[in-house]
């Protein structure tokens, strides 16, 4: 694994010699944010050694290197999911490559179903914590000591410092943010109404099929992590509406302007951190 990471990073640096400070994963329907990146170098996943191409609508499958407000960034336009039949090692490989390239902070974004009854489609929610219901963990197996400890602490899996930056950035650009707990399930089926009630009882505010493996791997690597969920629909049983993936992409398009302004301002602030 350590050798694979080195070869992937070496290939990327052969195309653009850079040390990005901020890494980002753009979830379903949010990939259009790459239009904000300046001096772009775009690399399809299937050209990078040991990367896996995405297979889900709304996930382009490209690594974008460039700058946002002068800050060097590495952006994953699209992610891999366990429901695609992939092992966790492959799902978090891109995150580990970004760390090998030198990122210090990671921003995770996703489209999620709202479980909290105070949420509405179009809300942007800062992830304060997560609940892993996937029955999978990317750190299962022999520990790679070069990447991190055998038993990484997850007390502050989502950096309070970065969360504060997100909330401040939202205020500055006029985007009202909520806070909540993200619950990850395996998918690819949407949750049943009974499962949604269970998630609410457990303390989840939104539910999705991603993000948590990446957050675990990033914490193992010692990165500062933060996350934003775009609420694209209310979860099953909360309305009479049947769930469809087109709702996810359509709702994401509606909030992209505010989402983009928020991310850009937050990256500016993260870039100023020592």
C-alpha atoms as a PDB file:
ATOM      1  CA  UNK A   1       0.000   0.000   0.000  1.00  0.00           C
ATOM      2  CA  UNK A   2       2.737   2.454   0.952  1.00  0.00           C
ATOM      3  CA  UNK A   3       4.521   1.798  -2.350  1.00  0.00           C
ATOM      4  CA  UNK A   4       1.264   2.232  -4.321  1.00  0.00           C
ATOM      5  CA  UNK A   5       0.656   5.594  -2.650  1.00  0.00           C
ATOM      6  CA  UNK A   6       4.144   6.729  -3.562  1.00  0.00           C
ATOM      7  CA  UNK A   7       3.740   5.722  -7.213  1.00  0.00           C
ATOM      8  CA  UNK A   8       0.344   7.435  -7.513  1.00  0.00           C
ATOM      9  CA  UNK A   9       1.679  10.638  -5.943  1.00  0.00           C
ATOM     10  CA  UNK A  10       4.781  10.536  -8.141  1.00  0.00           C
ATOM     11  CA  UNK A  11       2.633  10.289 -11.269  1.00  0.00           C
ATOM     12  CA  UNK A  12       0.456  13.224 -10.183  1.00  0.00           C
ATOM     13  CA  UNK A  13       3.488  15.365  -9.403  1.00  0.00           C
ATOM     14  CA  UNK A  14       4.953  14.558 -12.810  1.00  0.00           C
ATOM     15  CA  UNK A  15       1.964  16.402 -14.302  1.00  0.00           C
ATOM     16  CA  UNK A  16       1.950  19.273 -11.819  1.00  0.00           C
ATOM     17  CA  UNK A  17       4.639  19.896  -9.253  1.00  0.00           C
ATOM     18  CA  UNK A  18       2.615  21.144  -6.307  1.00  0.00           C
ATOM     19  CA  UNK A  19       2.083  20.724  -2.579  1.00  0.00           C
ATOM     20  CA  UNK A  20      -1.638  21.296  -1.992  1.00  0.00           C
ATOM     21  CA  UNK A  21      -2.663  22.575   1.424  1.00  0.00           C
ATOM     22  CA  UNK A  22      -6.374  21.763   1.234  1.00  0.00           C
ATOM     23  CA  UNK A  23      -7.984  18.607  -0.129  1.00  0.00           C
ATOM     24  CA  UNK A  24     -11.647  18.301  -0.980  1.00  0.00           C
ATOM     25  CA  UNK A  25     -14.149  15.634  -2.011  1.00  0.00           C
ATOM     26  CA  UNK A  26     -17.126  16.839  -4.046  1.00  0.00           C
ATOM     27  CA  UNK A  27     -20.220  14.698  -3.599  1.00  0.00           C
ATOM     28  CA  UNK A  28     -23.276  14.028  -5.760  1.00  0.00           C
ATOM     29  CA  UNK A  29     -24.324  17.033  -7.819  1.00  0.00           C
ATOM     30  CA  UNK A  30     -21.639  19.271  -6.291  1.00  0.00           C
ATOM     31  CA  UNK A  31     -18.867  18.652  -8.818  1.00  0.00           C
ATOM     32  CA  UNK A  32     -19.593  21.905 -10.633  1.00  0.00           C
ATOM     33  CA  UNK A  33     -17.605  23.666  -7.912  1.00  0.00           C
ATOM     34  CA  UNK A  34     -14.469  22.920  -9.916  1.00  0.00           C
ATOM     35  CA  UNK A  35     -15.370  25.964 -12.039  1.00  0.00           C
ATOM     36  CA  UNK A  36     -14.038  28.047  -9.129  1.00  0.00           C
ATOM     37  CA  UNK A  37     -10.557  26.530  -9.396  1.00  0.00           C
ATOM     38  CA  UNK A  38      -7.861  28.546 -11.155  1.00  0.00           C
ATOM     39  CA  UNK A  39      -4.809  27.219 -13.019  1.00  0.00           C
ATOM     40  CA  UNK A  40      -6.437  23.776 -13.229  1.00  0.00           C
ATOM     41  CA  UNK A  41      -4.726  20.507 -14.003  1.00  0.00           C
ATOM     42  CA  UNK A  42      -7.367  17.798 -14.529  1.00  0.00           C
ATOM     43  CA  UNK A  43      -6.464  14.123 -14.241  1.00  0.00           C
ATOM     44  CA  UNK A  44      -9.057  11.347 -14.812  1.00  0.00           C
ATOM     45  CA  UNK A  45      -8.961   8.738 -12.079  1.00  0.00           C
ATOM     46  CA  UNK A  46      -8.333   5.929 -14.565  1.00  0.00           C
ATOM     47  CA  UNK A  47      -5.040   7.549 -15.576  1.00  0.00           C
ATOM     48  CA  UNK A  48      -3.648   7.614 -12.024  1.00  0.00           C
ATOM     49  CA  UNK A  49      -1.876   4.435 -10.905  1.00  0.00           C
ATOM     50  CA  UNK A  50      -4.062   2.290  -8.597  1.00  0.00           C
ATOM     51  CA  UNK A  51      -7.031   4.697  -8.695  1.00  0.00           C
ATOM     52  CA  UNK A  52     -10.483   3.312  -9.546  1.00  0.00           C
ATOM     53  CA  UNK A  53     -12.894   5.127 -11.851  1.00  0.00           C
ATOM     54  CA  UNK A  54     -16.289   6.070 -10.429  1.00  0.00           C
ATOM     55  CA  UNK A  55     -19.482   4.462 -11.698  1.00  0.00           C
ATOM     56  CA  UNK A  56     -22.166   6.697 -10.167  1.00  0.00           C
ATOM     57  CA  UNK A  57     -24.126   9.461 -11.919  1.00  0.00           C
ATOM     58  CA  UNK A  58     -23.040  12.888 -10.675  1.00  0.00           C
ATOM     59  CA  UNK A  59     -19.468  11.733  -9.922  1.00  0.00           C
ATOM     60  CA  UNK A  60     -17.115  12.657 -12.778  1.00  0.00           C
ATOM     61  CA  UNK A  61     -14.073  10.840 -11.450  1.00  0.00           C
ATOM     62  CA  UNK A  62     -11.309  13.423 -11.841  1.00  0.00           C
ATOM     63  CA  UNK A  63      -8.560  14.830  -9.637  1.00  0.00           C
ATOM     64  CA  UNK A  64      -8.313  18.597 -10.068  1.00  0.00           C
ATOM     65  CA  UNK A  65      -5.166  20.418  -8.954  1.00  0.00           C
ATOM     66  CA  UNK A  66      -5.101  24.199  -8.867  1.00  0.00           C
ATOM     67  CA  UNK A  67      -5.694  27.253  -6.732  1.00  0.00           C
ATOM     68  CA  UNK A  68      -8.656  28.837  -4.989  1.00  0.00           C
ATOM     69  CA  UNK A  69      -8.003  32.404  -3.823  1.00  0.00           C
ATOM     70  CA  UNK A  70      -4.284  31.666  -4.044  1.00  0.00           C
ATOM     71  CA  UNK A  71      -4.502  28.510  -1.903  1.00  0.00           C
ATOM     72  CA  UNK A  72      -3.170  25.308  -3.490  1.00  0.00           C
ATOM     73  CA  UNK A  73      -5.915  22.669  -3.552  1.00  0.00           C
ATOM     74  CA  UNK A  74      -6.407  19.075  -4.631  1.00  0.00           C
ATOM     75  CA  UNK A  75     -10.048  18.292  -5.381  1.00  0.00           C
ATOM     76  CA  UNK A  76     -11.596  14.885  -5.940  1.00  0.00           C
ATOM     77  CA  UNK A  77     -14.519  15.450  -8.316  1.00  0.00           C
ATOM     78  CA  UNK A  78     -16.527  12.406  -7.387  1.00  0.00           C
ATOM     79  CA  UNK A  79     -15.954   9.611  -4.884  1.00  0.00           C
ATOM     80  CA  UNK A  80     -16.057   5.851  -4.621  1.00  0.00           C
ATOM     81  CA  UNK A  81     -18.677   4.011  -2.572  1.00  0.00           C
ATOM     82  CA  UNK A  82     -18.841   0.645  -0.839  1.00  0.00           C
ATOM     83  CA  UNK A  83     -22.130  -0.136  -2.610  1.00  0.00           C
ATOM     84  CA  UNK A  84     -20.229  -0.167  -5.913  1.00  0.00           C
ATOM     85  CA  UNK A  85     -18.757  -3.448  -4.693  1.00  0.00           C
ATOM     86  CA  UNK A  86     -15.369  -1.961  -3.862  1.00  0.00           C
ATOM     87  CA  UNK A  87     -13.205  -2.839  -0.861  1.00  0.00           C
ATOM     88  CA  UNK A  88     -12.638  -0.070   1.665  1.00  0.00           C
ATOM     89  CA  UNK A  89      -8.954   0.037   0.743  1.00  0.00           C
ATOM     90  CA  UNK A  90      -9.888   1.281  -2.739  1.00  0.00           C
ATOM     91  CA  UNK A  91     -12.510   3.721  -1.459  1.00  0.00           C
ATOM     92  CA  UNK A  92     -10.054   5.605   0.765  1.00  0.00           C
ATOM     93  CA  UNK A  93      -7.027   5.269  -1.522  1.00  0.00           C
ATOM     94  CA  UNK A  94      -7.595   8.749  -3.078  1.00  0.00           C
ATOM     95  CA  UNK A  95      -7.685  10.326   0.405  1.00  0.00           C
ATOM     96  CA  UNK A  96      -4.400   8.670   1.284  1.00  0.00           C
ATOM     97  CA  UNK A  97      -2.883   9.921  -1.971  1.00  0.00           C
ATOM     98  CA  UNK A  98      -3.937  13.500  -1.163  1.00  0.00           C
ATOM     99  CA  UNK A  99      -2.200  13.134   2.198  1.00  0.00           C
ATOM    100  CA  UNK A 100       0.895  11.804   0.438  1.00  0.00           C
ATOM    101  CA  UNK A 101       0.822  14.900  -1.783  1.00  0.00           C
ATOM    102  CA  UNK A 102       0.937  17.037   1.363  1.00  0.00           C
ATOM    103  CA  UNK A 103      -2.561  18.264   2.238  1.00  0.00           C
ATOM    104  CA  UNK A 104      -3.079  19.427   5.824  1.00  0.00           C
ATOM    105  CA  UNK A 105      -6.865  19.813   5.826  1.00  0.00           C
ATOM    106  CA  UNK A 106      -9.661  17.852   4.149  1.00  0.00           C
ATOM    107  CA  UNK A 107     -13.148  19.130   3.330  1.00  0.00           C
ATOM    108  CA  UNK A 108     -15.698  16.375   2.725  1.00  0.00           C
ATOM    109  CA  UNK A 109     -18.993  17.209   1.015  1.00  0.00           C
ATOM    110  CA  UNK A 110     -21.997  15.050   0.292  1.00  0.00           C
ATOM    111  CA  UNK A 111     -25.657  14.983  -0.606  1.00  0.00           C
ATOM    112  CA  UNK A 112     -27.737  13.585   2.251  1.00  0.00           C
ATOM    113  CA  UNK A 113     -31.287  12.812   3.252  1.00  0.00           C
ATOM    114  CA  UNK A 114     -32.668  14.908   6.079  1.00  0.00           C
ATOM    115  CA  UNK A 115     -33.670  12.888   9.152  1.00  0.00           C
ATOM    116  CA  UNK A 116     -33.918  15.854  11.524  1.00  0.00           C
ATOM    117  CA  UNK A 117     -37.477  17.155  11.182  1.00  0.00           C
ATOM    118  CA  UNK A 118     -36.175  20.734  11.352  1.00  0.00           C
ATOM    119  CA  UNK A 119     -34.266  20.253   8.089  1.00  0.00           C
ATOM    120  CA  UNK A 120     -35.546  21.081   4.611  1.00  0.00           C
ATOM    121  CA  UNK A 121     -34.217  20.342   1.117  1.00  0.00           C
ATOM    122  CA  UNK A 122     -31.548  22.896   0.272  1.00  0.00           C
ATOM    123  CA  UNK A 123     -30.174  23.189   3.808  1.00  0.00           C
ATOM    124  CA  UNK A 124     -26.393  23.045   4.208  1.00  0.00           C
ATOM    125  CA  UNK A 125     -25.295  21.276   7.384  1.00  0.00           C
ATOM    126  CA  UNK A 126     -21.873  21.289   9.051  1.00  0.00           C
ATOM    127  CA  UNK A 127     -21.044  17.739  10.161  1.00  0.00           C
ATOM    128  CA  UNK A 128     -20.262  17.774  13.885  1.00  0.00           C
ATOM    129  CA  UNK A 129     -19.944  14.004  14.274  1.00  0.00           C
ATOM    130  CA  UNK A 130     -20.914  10.761  12.588  1.00  0.00           C
ATOM    131  CA  UNK A 131     -22.443   7.349  13.253  1.00  0.00           C
ATOM    132  CA  UNK A 132     -21.078   4.467  11.196  1.00  0.00           C
ATOM    133  CA  UNK A 133     -23.827   1.969  10.297  1.00  0.00           C
ATOM    134  CA  UNK A 134     -21.977   0.531   7.297  1.00  0.00           C
ATOM    135  CA  UNK A 135     -20.556  -2.420   9.260  1.00  0.00           C
ATOM    136  CA  UNK A 136     -17.270  -1.624   7.527  1.00  0.00           C
ATOM    137  CA  UNK A 137     -14.144   0.281   8.509  1.00  0.00           C
ATOM    138  CA  UNK A 138     -11.232   1.200   6.195  1.00  0.00           C
ATOM    139  CA  UNK A 139      -8.676   0.415   8.911  1.00  0.00           C
ATOM    140  CA  UNK A 140      -9.588  -3.271   9.269  1.00  0.00           C
ATOM    141  CA  UNK A 141      -6.578  -5.471   8.583  1.00  0.00           C
ATOM    142  CA  UNK A 142      -2.883  -5.002   9.284  1.00  0.00           C
ATOM    143  CA  UNK A 143      -2.100  -1.450  10.344  1.00  0.00           C
ATOM    144  CA  UNK A 144       0.174   0.578   8.076  1.00  0.00           C
ATOM    145  CA  UNK A 145       2.327   2.292  10.677  1.00  0.00           C
ATOM    146  CA  UNK A 146       3.660   4.796   8.143  1.00  0.00           C
ATOM    147  CA  UNK A 147       0.115   6.146   7.761  1.00  0.00           C
ATOM    148  CA  UNK A 148      -1.039   6.245  11.369  1.00  0.00           C
ATOM    149  CA  UNK A 149      -1.609   4.439  14.692  1.00  0.00           C
ATOM    150  CA  UNK A 150      -3.388   1.119  15.153  1.00  0.00           C
ATOM    151  CA  UNK A 151      -6.171   2.718  17.224  1.00  0.00           C
ATOM    152  CA  UNK A 152      -6.745   6.328  16.096  1.00  0.00           C
ATOM    153  CA  UNK A 153      -8.760   8.589  18.380  1.00  0.00           C
ATOM    154  CA  UNK A 154     -12.069   9.812  16.925  1.00  0.00           C
ATOM    155  CA  UNK A 155     -13.116  12.131  19.749  1.00  0.00           C
ATOM    156  CA  UNK A 156     -12.811  15.113  17.411  1.00  0.00           C
ATOM    157  CA  UNK A 157     -13.204  13.367  14.071  1.00  0.00           C
ATOM    158  CA  UNK A 158     -14.440  16.682  12.629  1.00  0.00           C
ATOM    159  CA  UNK A 159     -12.090  19.489  13.618  1.00  0.00           C
ATOM    160  CA  UNK A 160     -13.731  22.110  15.879  1.00  0.00           C
ATOM    161  CA  UNK A 161     -11.302  24.650  14.392  1.00  0.00           C
ATOM    162  CA  UNK A 162     -12.384  23.904  10.814  1.00  0.00           C
ATOM    163  CA  UNK A 163     -16.057  23.742  11.789  1.00  0.00           C
ATOM    164  CA  UNK A 164     -15.736  27.204  13.306  1.00  0.00           C
ATOM    165  CA  UNK A 165     -14.233  28.420  10.019  1.00  0.00           C
ATOM    166  CA  UNK A 166     -17.171  26.940   8.085  1.00  0.00           C
ATOM    167  CA  UNK A 167     -19.717  28.623  10.339  1.00  0.00           C
ATOM    168  CA  UNK A 168     -17.899  31.970  10.212  1.00  0.00           C
ATOM    169  CA  UNK A 169     -17.584  31.706   6.431  1.00  0.00           C
ATOM    170  CA  UNK A 170     -21.299  31.023   6.125  1.00  0.00           C
ATOM    171  CA  UNK A 171     -22.091  34.169   8.112  1.00  0.00           C
ATOM    172  CA  UNK A 172     -19.715  36.235   5.976  1.00  0.00           C
ATOM    173  CA  UNK A 173     -21.188  35.134   2.635  1.00  0.00           C
ATOM    174  CA  UNK A 174     -24.800  35.077   3.773  1.00  0.00           C
ATOM    175  CA  UNK A 175     -25.304  31.305   3.852  1.00  0.00           C
ATOM    176  CA  UNK A 176     -27.195  30.039   6.888  1.00  0.00           C
ATOM    177  CA  UNK A 177     -25.643  26.777   8.077  1.00  0.00           C
ATOM    178  CA  UNK A 178     -27.069  24.167  10.402  1.00  0.00           C
ATOM    179  CA  UNK A 179     -25.128  21.625  12.463  1.00  0.00           C
ATOM    180  CA  UNK A 180     -25.746  17.925  12.783  1.00  0.00           C
ATOM    181  CA  UNK A 181     -24.667  14.294  13.009  1.00  0.00           C
ATOM    182  CA  UNK A 182     -24.188  12.377   9.744  1.00  0.00           C
ATOM    183  CA  UNK A 183     -25.160   8.720   9.698  1.00  0.00           C
ATOM    184  CA  UNK A 184     -23.648   6.476   7.016  1.00  0.00           C
ATOM    185  CA  UNK A 185     -25.346   3.352   5.690  1.00  0.00           C
ATOM    186  CA  UNK A 186     -24.109   0.874   3.116  1.00  0.00           C
ATOM    187  CA  UNK A 187     -26.763   1.358   0.397  1.00  0.00           C
ATOM    188  CA  UNK A 188     -27.454   1.338  -2.501  1.00  0.00           C
ATOM    189  CA  UNK A 189     -31.095   1.153  -1.407  1.00  0.00           C
ATOM    190  CA  UNK A 190     -32.519   4.188   0.290  1.00  0.00           C
ATOM    191  CA  UNK A 191     -33.518   3.634   3.902  1.00  0.00           C
ATOM    192  CA  UNK A 192     -36.907   2.305   4.925  1.00  0.00           C
ATOM    193  CA  UNK A 193     -39.151   4.524   7.084  1.00  0.00           C
ATOM    194  CA  UNK A 194     -38.413   2.218  10.034  1.00  0.00           C
ATOM    195  CA  UNK A 195     -34.658   2.606   9.489  1.00  0.00           C
ATOM    196  CA  UNK A 196     -35.063   6.380   9.362  1.00  0.00           C
ATOM    197  CA  UNK A 197     -36.906   6.309  12.704  1.00  0.00           C
ATOM    198  CA  UNK A 198     -34.071   4.190  14.123  1.00  0.00           C
ATOM    199  CA  UNK A 199     -31.451   6.652  12.883  1.00  0.00           C
ATOM    200  CA  UNK A 200     -33.344   9.527  14.495  1.00  0.00           C
ATOM    201  CA  UNK A 201     -33.519   7.638  17.802  1.00  0.00           C
ATOM    202  CA  UNK A 202     -29.769   6.937  17.617  1.00  0.00           C
ATOM    203  CA  UNK A 203     -29.063  10.650  17.220  1.00  0.00           C
ATOM    204  CA  UNK A 204     -28.551  11.015  13.470  1.00  0.00           C
ATOM    205  CA  UNK A 205     -29.666  14.218  11.747  1.00  0.00           C
ATOM    206  CA  UNK A 206     -28.932  13.223   8.132  1.00  0.00           C
ATOM    207  CA  UNK A 207     -28.185   9.985   6.348  1.00  0.00           C
ATOM    208  CA  UNK A 208     -26.068   9.032   3.346  1.00  0.00           C
ATOM    209  CA  UNK A 209     -23.889   6.330   1.814  1.00  0.00           C
ATOM    210  CA  UNK A 210     -20.420   7.898   1.942  1.00  0.00           C
ATOM    211  CA  UNK A 211     -18.055  10.236   3.808  1.00  0.00           C
ATOM    212  CA  UNK A 212     -17.481   8.227   6.990  1.00  0.00           C
ATOM    213  CA  UNK A 213     -14.790   5.893   5.529  1.00  0.00           C
ATOM    214  CA  UNK A 214     -12.957   8.962   4.193  1.00  0.00           C
ATOM    215  CA  UNK A 215     -13.220  10.732   7.549  1.00  0.00           C
ATOM    216  CA  UNK A 216     -11.846   7.685   9.362  1.00  0.00           C
ATOM    217  CA  UNK A 217      -8.919   7.301   6.953  1.00  0.00           C
ATOM    218  CA  UNK A 218      -8.136  11.025   7.141  1.00  0.00           C
ATOM    219  CA  UNK A 219      -8.111  10.993  10.946  1.00  0.00           C
ATOM    220  CA  UNK A 220      -5.813   7.962  10.854  1.00  0.00           C
ATOM    221  CA  UNK A 221      -3.481  10.065   8.695  1.00  0.00           C
ATOM    222  CA  UNK A 222      -3.567  12.953  11.185  1.00  0.00           C
ATOM    223  CA  UNK A 223      -5.399  15.363   8.872  1.00  0.00           C
ATOM    224  CA  UNK A 224      -7.785  18.062  10.037  1.00  0.00           C
ATOM    225  CA  UNK A 225     -11.229  17.127   8.721  1.00  0.00           C
ATOM    226  CA  UNK A 226     -14.498  18.960   8.239  1.00  0.00           C
ATOM    227  CA  UNK A 227     -17.639  18.128   6.315  1.00  0.00           C
ATOM    228  CA  UNK A 228     -20.737  19.698   4.784  1.00  0.00           C
ATOM    229  CA  UNK A 229     -23.938  17.869   3.888  1.00  0.00           C
ATOM    230  CA  UNK A 230     -26.349  19.278   1.343  1.00  0.00           C
ATOM    231  CA  UNK A 231     -29.837  18.136   2.319  1.00  0.00           C
ATOM    232  CA  UNK A 232     -31.336  17.131  -1.009  1.00  0.00           C
ATOM    233  CA  UNK A 233     -34.469  15.370   0.234  1.00  0.00           C
ATOM    234  CA  UNK A 234     -36.300  14.412   3.396  1.00  0.00           C
ATOM    235  CA  UNK A 235     -35.660  10.787   4.323  1.00  0.00           C
ATOM    236  CA  UNK A 236     -38.097   7.968   3.651  1.00  0.00           C
ATOM    237  CA  UNK A 237     -41.433   8.140   5.480  1.00  0.00           C
ATOM    238  CA  UNK A 238     -41.177  11.865   6.246  1.00  0.00           C
ATOM    239  CA  UNK A 239     -43.186  12.765   3.135  1.00  0.00           C
ATOM    240  CA  UNK A 240     -45.366  10.876   0.654  1.00  0.00           C
ATOM    241  CA  UNK A 241     -42.729  11.421  -2.052  1.00  0.00           C
ATOM    242  CA  UNK A 242     -40.789   8.404  -3.363  1.00  0.00           C
ATOM    243  CA  UNK A 243     -37.032   8.900  -3.352  1.00  0.00           C
ATOM    244  CA  UNK A 244     -35.129   9.186  -6.611  1.00  0.00           C
ATOM    245  CA  UNK A 245     -31.483  10.007  -7.386  1.00  0.00           C
ATOM    246  CA  UNK A 246     -32.586  12.816  -9.710  1.00  0.00           C
ATOM    247  CA  UNK A 247     -33.871  14.668  -6.622  1.00  0.00           C
ATOM    248  CA  UNK A 248     -30.327  14.616  -5.276  1.00  0.00           C
ATOM    249  CA  UNK A 249     -28.712  16.176  -8.324  1.00  0.00           C
ATOM    250  CA  UNK A 250     -31.534  18.660  -8.924  1.00  0.00           C
ATOM    251  CA  UNK A 251     -31.537  19.990  -5.365  1.00  0.00           C
ATOM    252  CA  UNK A 252     -27.741  20.249  -5.341  1.00  0.00           C
ATOM    253  CA  UNK A 253     -27.906  22.491  -8.423  1.00  0.00           C
ATOM    254  CA  UNK A 254     -30.219  24.898  -6.595  1.00  0.00           C
ATOM    255  CA  UNK A 255     -27.766  25.541  -3.761  1.00  0.00           C
ATOM    256  CA  UNK A 256     -24.534  25.534  -5.741  1.00  0.00           C
ATOM    257  CA  UNK A 257     -24.045  29.316  -5.678  1.00  0.00           C
ATOM    258  CA  UNK A 258     -24.217  29.554  -1.889  1.00  0.00           C
ATOM    259  CA  UNK A 259     -22.259  26.329  -1.516  1.00  0.00           C
ATOM    260  CA  UNK A 260     -19.506  27.691  -3.791  1.00  0.00           C
ATOM    261  CA  UNK A 261     -19.269  31.019  -1.964  1.00  0.00           C
ATOM    262  CA  UNK A 262     -19.068  29.218   1.379  1.00  0.00           C
ATOM    263  CA  UNK A 263     -16.320  26.823   0.262  1.00  0.00           C
ATOM    264  CA  UNK A 264     -14.230  29.538  -1.344  1.00  0.00           C
ATOM    265  CA  UNK A 265     -14.330  31.717   1.759  1.00  0.00           C
ATOM    266  CA  UNK A 266     -13.539  28.763   4.021  1.00  0.00           C
ATOM    267  CA  UNK A 267     -10.564  27.742   1.881  1.00  0.00           C
ATOM    268  CA  UNK A 268      -9.211  31.288   2.085  1.00  0.00           C
ATOM    269  CA  UNK A 269      -9.348  31.074   5.868  1.00  0.00           C
ATOM    270  CA  UNK A 270      -7.854  27.580   6.047  1.00  0.00           C
ATOM    271  CA  UNK A 271      -5.049  28.787   3.794  1.00  0.00           C
ATOM    272  CA  UNK A 272      -4.128  31.365   6.447  1.00  0.00           C
ATOM    273  CA  UNK A 273      -3.739  28.742   9.191  1.00  0.00           C
ATOM    274  CA  UNK A 274      -0.229  28.012  10.344  1.00  0.00           C
END
